[in-house]
Amino acid sequence: MELKEIREQSPQDLAARKHELREESFHLRIQQQSGQLEKSSQLRAIRREIARIETVLNEKNKSQTKAAPATAKKK
């Protein structure tokens, strides 16, 4: 998934996708430990996508946090 696509999704969708990726990562790590994983590059790709999602979620949380005090001060 590209960064542009990630930024367009809602925080709830991103959290759900992050959960799915963490489960997939878990299963791939188990396969790797048992010697069944053929493409070890999948683990790296999943870790990077999780990091991208977490970065976007943090950006969205920070922008909401900054916007909330500004609206509260106006009242």
C-alpha atoms as a PDB file:
ATOM      1  CA  MET A   1       0.000   0.000   0.000  1.00  0.00           C
ATOM      2  CA  GLU A   2       1.377   3.397  -0.930  1.00  0.00           C
ATOM      3  CA  LEU A   3       1.700   6.257   1.505  1.00  0.00           C
ATOM      4  CA  LYS A   4      -0.901   8.278  -0.402  1.00  0.00           C
ATOM      5  CA  GLU A   5      -3.452   5.479   0.030  1.00  0.00           C
ATOM      6  CA  ILE A   6      -2.612   5.185   3.715  1.00  0.00           C
ATOM      7  CA  ARG A   7      -3.116   8.921   4.319  1.00  0.00           C
ATOM      8  CA  GLU A   8      -6.575   8.799   2.696  1.00  0.00           C
ATOM      9  CA  GLN A   9      -7.904   6.159   5.102  1.00  0.00           C
ATOM     10  CA  SER A  10      -9.628   6.865   8.398  1.00  0.00           C
ATOM     11  CA  PRO A  11      -7.862   6.159  11.711  1.00  0.00           C
ATOM     12  CA  GLN A  12     -10.241   3.254  12.378  1.00  0.00           C
ATOM     13  CA  ASP A  13      -9.399   1.648   9.029  1.00  0.00           C
ATOM     14  CA  LEU A  14      -5.696   2.144   9.670  1.00  0.00           C
ATOM     15  CA  ALA A  15      -5.936   0.556  13.111  1.00  0.00           C
ATOM     16  CA  ALA A  16      -7.739  -2.449  11.623  1.00  0.00           C
ATOM     17  CA  ARG A  17      -5.131  -2.795   8.866  1.00  0.00           C
ATOM     18  CA  LYS A  18      -2.326  -2.529  11.423  1.00  0.00           C
ATOM     19  CA  HIS A  19      -3.915  -5.336  13.455  1.00  0.00           C
ATOM     20  CA  GLU A  20      -4.168  -7.537  10.341  1.00  0.00           C
ATOM     21  CA  LEU A  21      -0.534  -6.890   9.468  1.00  0.00           C
ATOM     22  CA  ARG A  22       0.623  -7.708  12.996  1.00  0.00           C
ATOM     23  CA  GLU A  23      -1.211 -11.040  12.834  1.00  0.00           C
ATOM     24  CA  GLU A  24       0.302 -11.790   9.438  1.00  0.00           C
ATOM     25  CA  SER A  25       3.738 -10.865  10.760  1.00  0.00           C
ATOM     26  CA  PHE A  26       3.253 -13.244  13.680  1.00  0.00           C
ATOM     27  CA  HIS A  27       2.369 -16.122  11.362  1.00  0.00           C
ATOM     28  CA  LEU A  28       5.313 -15.385   9.087  1.00  0.00           C
ATOM     29  CA  ARG A  29       7.706 -15.340  12.046  1.00  0.00           C
ATOM     30  CA  ILE A  30       6.422 -18.749  13.106  1.00  0.00           C
ATOM     31  CA  GLN A  31       6.973 -20.042   9.570  1.00  0.00           C
ATOM     32  CA  GLN A  32      10.476 -18.588   9.579  1.00  0.00           C
ATOM     33  CA  GLN A  33      11.359 -20.288  12.854  1.00  0.00           C
ATOM     34  CA  SER A  34      10.158 -23.639  11.559  1.00  0.00           C
ATOM     35  CA  GLY A  35      12.020 -23.211   8.266  1.00  0.00           C
ATOM     36  CA  GLN A  36       8.901 -23.038   6.094  1.00  0.00           C
ATOM     37  CA  LEU A  37       9.142 -19.387   5.032  1.00  0.00           C
ATOM     38  CA  GLU A  38      10.311 -19.104   1.429  1.00  0.00           C
ATOM     39  CA  LYS A  39      10.301 -15.302   1.054  1.00  0.00           C
ATOM     40  CA  SER A  40      11.935 -13.735   4.064  1.00  0.00           C
ATOM     41  CA  SER A  41      11.562 -10.319   2.436  1.00  0.00           C
ATOM     42  CA  GLN A  42       7.845 -10.448   3.294  1.00  0.00           C
ATOM     43  CA  LEU A  43       8.646  -9.854   6.956  1.00  0.00           C
ATOM     44  CA  ARG A  44      10.594  -6.701   6.163  1.00  0.00           C
ATOM     45  CA  ALA A  45       7.859  -5.390   3.865  1.00  0.00           C
ATOM     46  CA  ILE A  46       5.190  -5.959   6.527  1.00  0.00           C
ATOM     47  CA  ARG A  47       7.287  -4.271   9.243  1.00  0.00           C
ATOM     48  CA  ARG A  48       7.749  -1.255   7.005  1.00  0.00           C
ATOM     49  CA  GLU A  49       4.053  -1.014   6.183  1.00  0.00           C
ATOM     50  CA  ILE A  50       3.203  -1.193   9.894  1.00  0.00           C
ATOM     51  CA  ALA A  51       5.682   1.622  10.514  1.00  0.00           C
ATOM     52  CA  ARG A  52       4.096   3.733   7.768  1.00  0.00           C
ATOM     53  CA  ILE A  53       0.646   3.197   9.242  1.00  0.00           C
ATOM     54  CA  GLU A  54       1.831   4.081  12.750  1.00  0.00           C
ATOM     55  CA  THR A  55       3.499   7.239  11.421  1.00  0.00           C
ATOM     56  CA  VAL A  56       0.309   8.394   9.706  1.00  0.00           C
ATOM     57  CA  LEU A  57      -1.767   7.582  12.797  1.00  0.00           C
ATOM     58  CA  ASN A  58       0.603   9.641  14.953  1.00  0.00           C
ATOM     59  CA  GLU A  59       0.427  12.542  12.493  1.00  0.00           C
ATOM     60  CA  LYS A  60      -3.368  12.450  12.523  1.00  0.00           C
ATOM     61  CA  ASN A  61      -3.465  12.304  16.336  1.00  0.00           C
ATOM     62  CA  LYS A  62      -1.099  15.261  16.634  1.00  0.00           C
ATOM     63  CA  SER A  63      -3.099  17.343  14.162  1.00  0.00           C
ATOM     64  CA  GLN A  64      -6.311  16.609  16.090  1.00  0.00           C
ATOM     65  CA  THR A  65      -4.630  17.448  19.388  1.00  0.00           C
ATOM     66  CA  LYS A  66      -3.389  20.791  18.074  1.00  0.00           C
ATOM     67  CA  ALA A  67      -6.773  21.648  16.579  1.00  0.00           C
ATOM     68  CA  ALA A  68      -8.735  20.855  19.755  1.00  0.00           C
ATOM     69  CA  PRO A  69      -7.060  23.431  22.071  1.00  0.00           C
ATOM     70  CA  ALA A  70      -7.339  26.120  19.394  1.00  0.00           C
ATOM     71  CA  THR A  71     -11.104  25.664  19.148  1.00  0.00           C
ATOM     72  CA  ALA A  72     -11.428  25.513  22.951  1.00  0.00           C
ATOM     73  CA  LYS A  73      -9.672  28.869  23.383  1.00  0.00           C
ATOM     74  CA  LYS A  74     -12.024  30.627  20.978  1.00  0.00           C
ATOM     75  CA  LYS A  75     -15.052  30.056  23.197  1.00  0.00           C
END
